[in-house]
Structures are given as C-alpha cells and as structure tokens.
N, C-alpha and C. Protein backbone atom coordinates (compact mmCIF):
# COMPACT_ATOMS: atom_id res chain seq x y z
N UNK A 1 72.26 101.48 159.79
CA UNK A 1 71.23 102.23 159.10
C UNK A 1 71.88 103.26 158.18
N UNK A 2 71.31 103.39 157.00
CA UNK A 2 71.80 104.37 156.04
C UNK A 2 71.27 105.75 156.41
N UNK A 3 72.18 106.70 156.50
CA UNK A 3 71.82 108.09 156.76
C UNK A 3 72.21 108.89 155.53
N UNK A 4 71.27 109.65 155.00
CA UNK A 4 71.53 110.48 153.83
C UNK A 4 71.43 111.92 154.27
N UNK A 5 72.51 112.66 154.05
CA UNK A 5 72.54 114.05 154.48
C UNK A 5 72.99 114.95 153.34
N UNK A 6 72.51 116.17 153.38
CA UNK A 6 72.88 117.14 152.36
C UNK A 6 74.38 117.43 152.44
N UNK A 7 75.00 117.48 151.28
CA UNK A 7 76.43 117.77 151.21
C UNK A 7 76.64 119.26 150.95
N UNK A 8 77.80 119.73 151.34
CA UNK A 8 78.16 121.13 151.13
C UNK A 8 79.50 121.17 150.39
N UNK A 9 79.96 122.37 150.15
CA UNK A 9 81.25 122.54 149.49
C UNK A 9 82.37 121.85 150.27
N UNK A 10 82.25 121.79 151.58
CA UNK A 10 83.26 121.13 152.41
C UNK A 10 83.34 119.63 152.13
N UNK A 11 82.27 119.06 151.57
CA UNK A 11 82.22 117.62 151.28
C UNK A 11 82.76 117.26 149.89
N UNK A 12 83.16 118.24 149.11
CA UNK A 12 83.63 117.96 147.75
C UNK A 12 84.77 116.95 147.73
N UNK A 13 85.79 117.05 148.59
CA UNK A 13 86.84 116.02 148.55
C UNK A 13 86.30 114.60 148.78
N UNK A 14 85.32 114.46 149.65
CA UNK A 14 84.72 113.14 149.90
C UNK A 14 83.96 112.66 148.68
N UNK A 15 83.19 113.55 148.05
CA UNK A 15 82.44 113.19 146.84
C UNK A 15 83.41 112.76 145.74
N UNK A 16 84.47 113.52 145.57
CA UNK A 16 85.46 113.19 144.53
C UNK A 16 86.12 111.84 144.81
N UNK A 17 86.46 111.58 146.06
CA UNK A 17 87.10 110.30 146.42
C UNK A 17 86.14 109.14 146.18
N UNK A 18 84.87 109.31 146.55
CA UNK A 18 83.88 108.26 146.30
C UNK A 18 83.70 108.03 144.81
N UNK A 19 83.60 109.11 144.03
CA UNK A 19 83.44 108.97 142.58
C UNK A 19 84.61 108.20 141.98
N UNK A 20 85.80 108.56 142.37
CA UNK A 20 87.01 107.89 141.88
C UNK A 20 86.96 106.40 142.20
N UNK A 21 86.67 106.08 143.44
CA UNK A 21 86.63 104.68 143.89
C UNK A 21 85.53 103.90 143.17
N UNK A 22 84.33 104.45 143.15
CA UNK A 22 83.18 103.74 142.58
C UNK A 22 83.32 103.59 141.07
N UNK A 23 83.66 104.66 140.38
CA UNK A 23 83.78 104.58 138.92
C UNK A 23 84.84 103.57 138.51
N UNK A 24 85.98 103.58 139.19
CA UNK A 24 87.07 102.66 138.79
C UNK A 24 86.71 101.20 139.09
N UNK A 25 85.85 100.97 140.07
CA UNK A 25 85.42 99.61 140.39
C UNK A 25 84.26 99.16 139.50
N UNK A 26 83.40 100.08 139.10
CA UNK A 26 82.14 99.70 138.45
C UNK A 26 82.15 99.81 136.93
N UNK A 27 82.77 100.84 136.38
CA UNK A 27 82.60 101.13 134.96
C UNK A 27 83.50 100.39 133.97
N UNK A 28 84.62 99.78 134.36
CA UNK A 28 85.36 99.01 133.36
C UNK A 28 84.44 97.94 132.76
N UNK A 29 84.49 97.82 131.44
CA UNK A 29 83.59 96.91 130.74
C UNK A 29 82.35 97.61 130.24
N UNK A 30 82.06 98.78 130.78
CA UNK A 30 80.93 99.59 130.29
C UNK A 30 81.47 100.73 129.44
N UNK A 31 82.48 101.42 129.95
CA UNK A 31 83.20 102.44 129.18
C UNK A 31 84.69 102.18 129.35
N UNK A 32 85.47 102.76 128.45
CA UNK A 32 86.92 102.52 128.45
C UNK A 32 87.60 103.20 129.64
N UNK A 33 88.77 102.70 130.04
CA UNK A 33 89.52 103.37 131.11
C UNK A 33 89.83 104.84 130.77
N UNK A 34 90.06 105.11 129.49
CA UNK A 34 90.33 106.49 129.07
C UNK A 34 89.10 107.37 129.27
N UNK A 35 87.92 106.83 128.97
CA UNK A 35 86.70 107.61 129.16
C UNK A 35 86.41 107.78 130.65
N UNK A 36 86.71 106.78 131.44
CA UNK A 36 86.55 106.92 132.90
C UNK A 36 87.40 108.08 133.40
N UNK A 37 88.68 108.10 133.00
CA UNK A 37 89.58 109.19 133.40
C UNK A 37 89.02 110.54 132.97
N UNK A 38 88.60 110.62 131.71
CA UNK A 38 88.09 111.88 131.17
C UNK A 38 86.86 112.35 131.94
N UNK A 39 85.92 111.45 132.15
CA UNK A 39 84.66 111.85 132.79
C UNK A 39 84.85 112.19 134.26
N UNK A 40 85.75 111.49 134.95
CA UNK A 40 86.04 111.85 136.34
C UNK A 40 86.57 113.28 136.42
N UNK A 41 87.48 113.63 135.51
CA UNK A 41 88.01 114.99 135.49
C UNK A 41 86.97 116.02 135.11
N UNK A 42 86.13 115.67 134.16
CA UNK A 42 85.11 116.59 133.62
C UNK A 42 83.98 116.82 134.63
N UNK A 43 83.51 115.76 135.26
CA UNK A 43 82.33 115.85 136.12
C UNK A 43 82.63 116.08 137.59
N UNK A 44 83.83 115.72 138.03
CA UNK A 44 84.11 115.72 139.46
C UNK A 44 85.26 116.62 139.87
N UNK A 45 85.63 117.56 139.01
CA UNK A 45 86.61 118.55 139.47
C UNK A 45 85.92 119.42 140.52
N UNK A 46 86.70 120.02 141.36
CA UNK A 46 86.13 120.92 142.38
C UNK A 46 85.29 122.00 141.72
N UNK A 47 85.81 122.55 140.62
CA UNK A 47 85.11 123.62 139.91
C UNK A 47 83.76 123.14 139.37
N UNK A 48 83.72 121.94 138.80
CA UNK A 48 82.48 121.41 138.23
C UNK A 48 81.43 121.22 139.32
N UNK A 49 81.83 120.67 140.44
CA UNK A 49 80.87 120.45 141.53
C UNK A 49 80.42 121.78 142.11
N UNK A 50 81.32 122.73 142.27
CA UNK A 50 80.94 124.06 142.78
C UNK A 50 79.95 124.74 141.84
N UNK A 51 80.17 124.61 140.52
CA UNK A 51 79.23 125.18 139.55
C UNK A 51 77.84 124.56 139.71
N UNK A 52 77.81 123.24 139.87
CA UNK A 52 76.52 122.57 140.03
C UNK A 52 75.83 123.00 141.32
N UNK A 53 76.58 123.06 142.41
CA UNK A 53 75.99 123.51 143.68
C UNK A 53 75.42 124.93 143.54
N UNK A 54 76.17 125.81 142.89
CA UNK A 54 75.72 127.20 142.70
C UNK A 54 74.48 127.27 141.81
N UNK A 55 74.34 126.30 140.90
CA UNK A 55 73.19 126.28 139.98
C UNK A 55 71.95 125.63 140.60
N UNK A 56 72.08 125.12 141.83
CA UNK A 56 70.93 124.54 142.50
C UNK A 56 70.88 123.03 142.53
N UNK A 57 71.92 122.38 142.04
CA UNK A 57 71.97 120.91 142.14
C UNK A 57 72.24 120.55 143.60
N UNK A 58 71.44 119.66 144.13
CA UNK A 58 71.57 119.22 145.52
C UNK A 58 72.42 117.95 145.53
N UNK A 59 73.52 117.99 146.24
CA UNK A 59 74.35 116.80 146.46
C UNK A 59 74.04 116.28 147.86
N UNK A 60 73.97 114.96 147.98
CA UNK A 60 73.76 114.34 149.28
C UNK A 60 74.72 113.17 149.43
N UNK A 61 75.21 112.99 150.65
CA UNK A 61 76.08 111.87 150.97
C UNK A 61 75.28 110.79 151.67
N UNK A 62 75.52 109.55 151.28
CA UNK A 62 74.92 108.39 151.95
C UNK A 62 75.97 107.81 152.87
N UNK A 63 75.64 107.70 154.15
CA UNK A 63 76.61 107.24 155.15
C UNK A 63 76.07 106.01 155.87
N UNK A 64 76.96 105.06 156.09
CA UNK A 64 76.65 103.84 156.82
C UNK A 64 77.61 103.78 158.00
N UNK A 65 77.09 103.69 159.20
CA UNK A 65 77.90 103.70 160.42
C UNK A 65 78.83 104.92 160.44
N UNK A 66 78.31 106.05 159.96
CA UNK A 66 79.06 107.29 159.98
C UNK A 66 80.05 107.47 158.85
N UNK A 67 80.23 106.45 158.02
CA UNK A 67 81.20 106.51 156.92
C UNK A 67 80.49 106.74 155.59
N UNK A 68 80.96 107.70 154.78
CA UNK A 68 80.36 107.91 153.46
C UNK A 68 80.57 106.69 152.57
N UNK A 69 79.48 106.18 151.98
CA UNK A 69 79.54 104.99 151.12
C UNK A 69 78.95 105.26 149.74
N UNK A 70 78.39 106.44 149.55
CA UNK A 70 77.80 106.79 148.26
C UNK A 70 77.35 108.22 148.26
N UNK A 71 76.84 108.64 147.12
CA UNK A 71 76.34 110.01 147.00
C UNK A 71 75.32 110.08 145.88
N UNK A 72 74.55 111.14 145.92
CA UNK A 72 73.59 111.39 144.86
C UNK A 72 73.53 112.88 144.61
N UNK A 73 73.03 113.23 143.43
CA UNK A 73 72.85 114.64 143.07
C UNK A 73 71.57 114.74 142.25
N UNK A 74 70.74 115.71 142.60
CA UNK A 74 69.48 115.89 141.89
C UNK A 74 69.13 117.36 141.86
N UNK A 75 68.23 117.70 140.93
CA UNK A 75 67.88 119.11 140.73
C UNK A 75 66.42 119.22 140.30
N UNK A 76 65.68 120.04 141.01
CA UNK A 76 64.29 120.32 140.64
C UNK A 76 64.29 121.41 139.58
N UNK A 77 63.52 121.18 138.52
CA UNK A 77 63.39 122.15 137.42
C UNK A 77 61.96 122.70 137.45
N UNK A 78 61.75 123.86 138.10
CA UNK A 78 60.39 124.36 138.32
C UNK A 78 59.60 124.60 137.04
N UNK A 79 60.25 125.05 135.98
CA UNK A 79 59.53 125.38 134.75
C UNK A 79 58.83 124.16 134.15
N UNK A 80 59.41 122.98 134.36
CA UNK A 80 58.83 121.76 133.79
C UNK A 80 58.26 120.83 134.84
N UNK A 81 58.41 121.20 136.11
CA UNK A 81 57.96 120.35 137.24
C UNK A 81 58.60 118.97 137.16
N UNK A 82 59.89 118.97 136.83
CA UNK A 82 60.64 117.72 136.76
C UNK A 82 61.84 117.80 137.70
N UNK A 83 62.25 116.65 138.19
CA UNK A 83 63.50 116.54 138.93
C UNK A 83 64.43 115.68 138.11
N UNK A 84 65.64 116.19 137.89
CA UNK A 84 66.65 115.40 137.19
C UNK A 84 67.54 114.74 138.24
N UNK A 85 67.64 113.43 138.14
CA UNK A 85 68.60 112.69 138.97
C UNK A 85 69.91 112.67 138.19
N UNK A 86 70.84 113.52 138.61
CA UNK A 86 72.12 113.64 137.91
C UNK A 86 73.04 112.47 138.22
N UNK A 87 73.09 112.08 139.49
CA UNK A 87 74.06 111.08 139.93
C UNK A 87 73.48 110.29 141.09
N UNK A 88 73.75 109.00 141.08
CA UNK A 88 73.43 108.16 142.23
C UNK A 88 74.44 107.02 142.23
N UNK A 89 75.33 107.03 143.19
CA UNK A 89 76.43 106.07 143.24
C UNK A 89 76.59 105.52 144.65
N UNK A 90 76.81 104.22 144.69
CA UNK A 90 77.01 103.48 145.93
C UNK A 90 78.18 102.53 145.72
N UNK A 91 79.00 102.37 146.75
CA UNK A 91 80.12 101.44 146.62
C UNK A 91 79.61 100.07 146.15
N UNK A 92 80.22 99.50 145.11
CA UNK A 92 79.72 98.24 144.54
C UNK A 92 79.61 97.10 145.55
N UNK A 93 80.46 97.05 146.56
CA UNK A 93 80.38 95.98 147.56
C UNK A 93 79.08 96.03 148.35
N UNK A 94 78.39 97.17 148.31
CA UNK A 94 77.15 97.34 149.06
C UNK A 94 75.90 97.19 148.20
N UNK A 95 76.09 96.89 146.91
CA UNK A 95 74.93 96.68 146.04
C UNK A 95 74.15 95.46 146.50
N UNK A 96 72.86 95.46 146.23
CA UNK A 96 72.02 94.31 146.55
C UNK A 96 71.51 94.27 147.98
N UNK A 97 71.72 95.32 148.73
CA UNK A 97 71.29 95.37 150.14
C UNK A 97 70.14 96.34 150.39
N UNK A 98 69.60 96.91 149.32
CA UNK A 98 68.50 97.86 149.47
C UNK A 98 68.95 99.29 149.73
N UNK A 99 70.25 99.53 149.78
CA UNK A 99 70.75 100.87 150.08
C UNK A 99 70.54 101.81 148.90
N UNK A 100 70.78 101.32 147.69
CA UNK A 100 70.54 102.13 146.50
C UNK A 100 69.06 102.49 146.39
N UNK A 101 68.22 101.55 146.72
CA UNK A 101 66.77 101.79 146.71
C UNK A 101 66.42 102.89 147.71
N UNK A 102 67.03 102.85 148.89
CA UNK A 102 66.79 103.90 149.89
C UNK A 102 67.25 105.26 149.38
N UNK A 103 68.37 105.27 148.66
CA UNK A 103 68.87 106.53 148.09
C UNK A 103 67.88 107.05 147.04
N UNK A 104 67.38 106.15 146.21
CA UNK A 104 66.41 106.54 145.19
C UNK A 104 65.11 107.04 145.83
N UNK A 105 64.69 106.41 146.91
CA UNK A 105 63.49 106.88 147.63
C UNK A 105 63.69 108.30 148.15
N UNK A 106 64.91 108.61 148.58
CA UNK A 106 65.21 109.96 149.06
C UNK A 106 65.01 110.97 147.93
N UNK A 107 65.45 110.62 146.73
CA UNK A 107 65.26 111.52 145.58
C UNK A 107 63.77 111.68 145.28
N UNK A 108 63.03 110.58 145.30
CA UNK A 108 61.59 110.66 145.04
C UNK A 108 60.88 111.50 146.09
N UNK A 109 61.28 111.36 147.35
CA UNK A 109 60.70 112.18 148.42
C UNK A 109 61.01 113.66 148.19
N UNK A 110 62.25 113.97 147.83
CA UNK A 110 62.64 115.36 147.57
C UNK A 110 61.88 115.92 146.37
N UNK A 111 61.72 115.09 145.34
CA UNK A 111 60.97 115.52 144.15
C UNK A 111 59.52 115.82 144.51
N UNK A 112 58.94 114.95 145.31
CA UNK A 112 57.55 115.16 145.75
C UNK A 112 57.44 116.46 146.54
N UNK A 113 58.34 116.67 147.48
CA UNK A 113 58.31 117.87 148.31
C UNK A 113 58.47 119.15 147.49
N UNK A 114 59.23 119.06 146.39
CA UNK A 114 59.45 120.22 145.53
C UNK A 114 58.29 120.47 144.57
N UNK A 115 57.41 119.48 144.41
CA UNK A 115 56.29 119.63 143.50
C UNK A 115 56.53 119.05 142.12
N UNK A 116 57.53 118.19 141.99
CA UNK A 116 57.82 117.58 140.69
C UNK A 116 56.77 116.54 140.33
N UNK A 117 56.47 116.46 139.05
CA UNK A 117 55.54 115.44 138.55
C UNK A 117 56.30 114.18 138.13
N UNK A 118 57.55 114.36 137.69
CA UNK A 118 58.36 113.21 137.26
C UNK A 118 59.80 113.39 137.70
N UNK A 119 60.49 112.26 137.78
CA UNK A 119 61.95 112.23 137.95
C UNK A 119 62.49 111.58 136.69
N UNK A 120 63.56 112.15 136.15
CA UNK A 120 64.19 111.55 134.99
C UNK A 120 65.69 111.47 135.20
N UNK A 121 66.31 110.59 134.43
CA UNK A 121 67.75 110.36 134.54
C UNK A 121 68.27 109.86 133.21
N UNK A 122 69.58 109.86 133.08
CA UNK A 122 70.26 109.25 131.94
C UNK A 122 71.11 108.12 132.47
N UNK A 123 71.14 107.01 131.72
CA UNK A 123 71.94 105.86 132.10
C UNK A 123 72.59 105.29 130.84
N UNK A 124 73.85 104.92 130.95
CA UNK A 124 74.57 104.33 129.82
C UNK A 124 73.82 103.10 129.33
N UNK A 125 73.69 102.99 128.01
CA UNK A 125 72.95 101.86 127.42
C UNK A 125 73.56 100.51 127.78
N UNK A 126 74.84 100.48 128.11
CA UNK A 126 75.50 99.22 128.45
C UNK A 126 75.45 98.91 129.95
N UNK A 127 74.90 99.82 130.73
CA UNK A 127 74.84 99.64 132.18
C UNK A 127 73.57 98.85 132.53
N UNK A 128 73.57 97.58 132.16
CA UNK A 128 72.37 96.75 132.27
C UNK A 128 71.91 96.56 133.71
N UNK A 129 72.84 96.45 134.63
CA UNK A 129 72.47 96.28 136.04
C UNK A 129 71.69 97.50 136.55
N UNK A 130 72.18 98.69 136.22
CA UNK A 130 71.48 99.91 136.65
C UNK A 130 70.12 100.03 135.96
N UNK A 131 70.07 99.72 134.67
CA UNK A 131 68.80 99.79 133.94
C UNK A 131 67.77 98.89 134.59
N UNK A 132 68.16 97.67 134.92
CA UNK A 132 67.23 96.74 135.58
C UNK A 132 66.78 97.28 136.94
N UNK A 133 67.71 97.86 137.69
CA UNK A 133 67.35 98.42 139.01
C UNK A 133 66.35 99.57 138.84
N UNK A 134 66.59 100.43 137.88
CA UNK A 134 65.66 101.54 137.65
C UNK A 134 64.30 101.03 137.20
N UNK A 135 64.28 100.01 136.35
CA UNK A 135 63.00 99.44 135.91
C UNK A 135 62.24 98.86 137.10
N UNK A 136 62.94 98.16 137.99
CA UNK A 136 62.29 97.62 139.19
C UNK A 136 61.70 98.73 140.06
N UNK A 137 62.32 99.90 140.00
CA UNK A 137 61.85 101.05 140.80
C UNK A 137 60.78 101.86 140.07
N UNK A 138 60.33 101.37 138.91
CA UNK A 138 59.24 102.04 138.22
C UNK A 138 59.62 102.98 137.10
N UNK A 139 60.91 103.09 136.79
CA UNK A 139 61.34 103.93 135.68
C UNK A 139 61.14 103.17 134.37
N UNK A 140 60.92 103.94 133.30
CA UNK A 140 60.82 103.33 131.98
C UNK A 140 61.68 104.13 131.00
N UNK A 141 62.21 103.44 130.02
CA UNK A 141 63.01 104.10 128.99
C UNK A 141 62.08 104.87 128.08
N UNK A 142 62.41 106.15 127.86
CA UNK A 142 61.57 106.98 126.98
C UNK A 142 62.29 107.39 125.71
N UNK A 143 63.61 107.39 125.72
CA UNK A 143 64.35 107.72 124.50
C UNK A 143 65.81 107.31 124.64
N UNK A 144 66.46 107.24 123.49
CA UNK A 144 67.90 106.99 123.42
C UNK A 144 68.55 108.28 122.93
N UNK A 145 69.66 108.65 123.58
CA UNK A 145 70.38 109.85 123.16
C UNK A 145 71.86 109.54 123.12
N UNK A 146 72.56 110.25 122.26
CA UNK A 146 74.01 110.10 122.17
C UNK A 146 74.57 111.50 121.97
N UNK A 147 75.41 111.93 122.92
CA UNK A 147 75.95 113.28 122.86
C UNK A 147 77.45 113.30 123.02
N UNK A 148 78.08 114.16 122.25
CA UNK A 148 79.52 114.37 122.32
C UNK A 148 79.84 115.11 123.61
N UNK A 149 80.76 114.57 124.40
CA UNK A 149 81.13 115.22 125.67
C UNK A 149 82.55 115.77 125.62
N UNK A 150 83.16 115.73 124.44
CA UNK A 150 84.52 116.22 124.30
C UNK A 150 85.53 115.11 124.50
N UNK A 151 86.77 115.41 124.19
CA UNK A 151 87.85 114.45 124.39
C UNK A 151 87.76 113.23 123.48
N UNK A 152 86.90 113.30 122.46
CA UNK A 152 86.69 112.16 121.58
C UNK A 152 85.72 111.13 122.13
N UNK A 153 84.96 111.49 123.16
CA UNK A 153 84.04 110.56 123.82
C UNK A 153 82.59 111.02 123.65
N UNK A 154 81.69 110.05 123.78
CA UNK A 154 80.26 110.33 123.75
C UNK A 154 79.61 109.69 124.96
N UNK A 155 78.45 110.24 125.32
CA UNK A 155 77.58 109.58 126.30
C UNK A 155 76.44 108.98 125.50
N UNK A 156 76.42 107.65 125.44
CA UNK A 156 75.42 106.89 124.68
C UNK A 156 74.44 106.33 125.70
N UNK A 157 73.36 107.05 125.92
CA UNK A 157 72.49 106.80 127.07
C UNK A 157 71.04 106.55 126.69
N UNK A 158 70.33 106.00 127.65
CA UNK A 158 68.87 106.00 127.64
C UNK A 158 68.42 107.09 128.61
N UNK A 159 67.31 107.73 128.29
CA UNK A 159 66.62 108.59 129.24
C UNK A 159 65.53 107.72 129.85
N UNK A 160 65.48 107.70 131.17
CA UNK A 160 64.46 106.93 131.88
C UNK A 160 63.65 107.90 132.74
N UNK A 161 62.35 107.64 132.83
CA UNK A 161 61.42 108.54 133.51
C UNK A 161 60.53 107.74 134.45
N UNK A 162 60.18 108.37 135.54
CA UNK A 162 59.23 107.79 136.48
C UNK A 162 58.36 108.90 137.05
N UNK A 163 57.08 108.65 137.13
CA UNK A 163 56.19 109.62 137.77
C UNK A 163 56.48 109.65 139.26
N UNK A 164 56.32 110.83 139.85
CA UNK A 164 56.52 110.99 141.28
C UNK A 164 55.23 110.55 141.98
N UNK A 165 55.35 109.69 142.99
CA UNK A 165 54.16 109.25 143.71
C UNK A 165 53.41 110.44 144.32
N UNK A 166 52.11 110.30 144.51
CA UNK A 166 51.33 111.41 145.06
C UNK A 166 51.63 111.69 146.54
N UNK A 167 52.34 110.80 147.21
CA UNK A 167 52.72 111.05 148.60
C UNK A 167 54.15 110.60 148.80
N UNK A 168 54.78 111.14 149.81
CA UNK A 168 56.20 110.88 150.07
C UNK A 168 56.44 109.41 150.37
N UNK A 169 57.64 108.95 150.04
CA UNK A 169 58.14 107.60 150.33
C UNK A 169 57.22 106.51 149.79
N UNK A 170 56.73 106.72 148.57
CA UNK A 170 55.85 105.74 147.94
C UNK A 170 56.61 104.86 146.96
N UNK A 171 57.93 104.89 146.99
CA UNK A 171 58.71 104.11 146.04
C UNK A 171 58.44 102.62 146.18
N UNK A 172 58.06 102.19 147.36
CA UNK A 172 57.84 100.75 147.59
C UNK A 172 56.37 100.37 147.46
N UNK A 173 55.51 101.32 147.13
CA UNK A 173 54.07 101.02 147.06
C UNK A 173 53.76 99.85 146.13
N UNK A 174 54.46 99.79 145.00
CA UNK A 174 54.17 98.72 144.03
C UNK A 174 54.45 97.35 144.62
N UNK A 175 55.40 97.28 145.55
CA UNK A 175 55.78 95.99 146.13
C UNK A 175 54.97 95.65 147.39
N UNK A 176 54.24 96.62 147.90
CA UNK A 176 53.49 96.39 149.14
C UNK A 176 52.26 95.52 148.88
N UNK A 177 51.97 94.57 149.77
CA UNK A 177 50.78 93.75 149.60
C UNK A 177 49.52 94.59 149.75
N UNK A 178 48.52 94.23 149.02
CA UNK A 178 47.25 94.97 149.05
C UNK A 178 46.16 94.09 149.57
C-alpha cells in the first residue's frame, strides 16, 4: 500500500536522491542532459527546498513498503483560492500501477481541505505521457508558456488546470459507475 506522508527538512536528502534518480531515468529525450543537470541543481539544492518549505510549499514523500518511491510538492494560494502542484514524481518502474493517481488524489484532497477551487500545474510540452495522465485525471490545457530559467535554458510548458471536486477524494468520480 502506498503511504504518503508530509516531508520535513530532515527528508531533503531523500527528496534530492529521488529527484536525481527519477529525472535521469525519465527526462532524457524530453530535455537535454545539460538541462537536466542544470534544473536538478536549481530546483533541488538544499537551499532551494528549504526556501520552498519556508514559503509554505508542502512536500510529501510517497512510500511503498516503507521505502520512498516518489514525492510531491504543492502550495495553496489563499488570495486566488488555487493550489499549485509544483512537483509530482514517481520512480518510472512504478508507473502504470495507479500510484501516481493516488498521489494526485492526495493533492486534490489537500486542495479541497484548504478551500481551493482549482489545482494547476506546469508540464513540459514534450512530456506527452504526463500530459495524457493529467488529462485522464480531469486536467485541461489552458495556456502555453515559455520562460527563461537561466543557464541558457527555458521551460517550454503547458499550464493545466482542474477544478477541485466539491468533496474529498473525488478524483475517481468520473470513472465510477452511475
């Protein structure tokens, strides 16, 4: 059974190790090895994660049989009643087992509990597998953005949005028989 628990500063080495492993296995062919290196340093340094934690970004570890296999990060924005899904990563060998869906349901439940009306995220335009998974979960593309992230690299992404269900754990409602 997948257990998702809130991460703390003590979990930063685990988050960094998972990011390194997952990004190097998943992103070749989507972004260059040089951009992978750059983004891992930029987004997953101890300082960057500590800044996010201090700013209210919630990191959570996904564990299977007690072992961390993925992580997610999300943040409720009270002024707009939105939750931003910053990160959701699962070891590629575990894709297709419903674990990513369970992680996404956790974010939707947290968004609902916080009072968010929508959850939004950014996804690389070339990350077709993730885009399809988000679409199956009820997200829709609302815009395309391209931003300079330094180091000669850009994030060429889609913004995807999904309304938060009126009750907790409703991510599977669309698939439930009526």
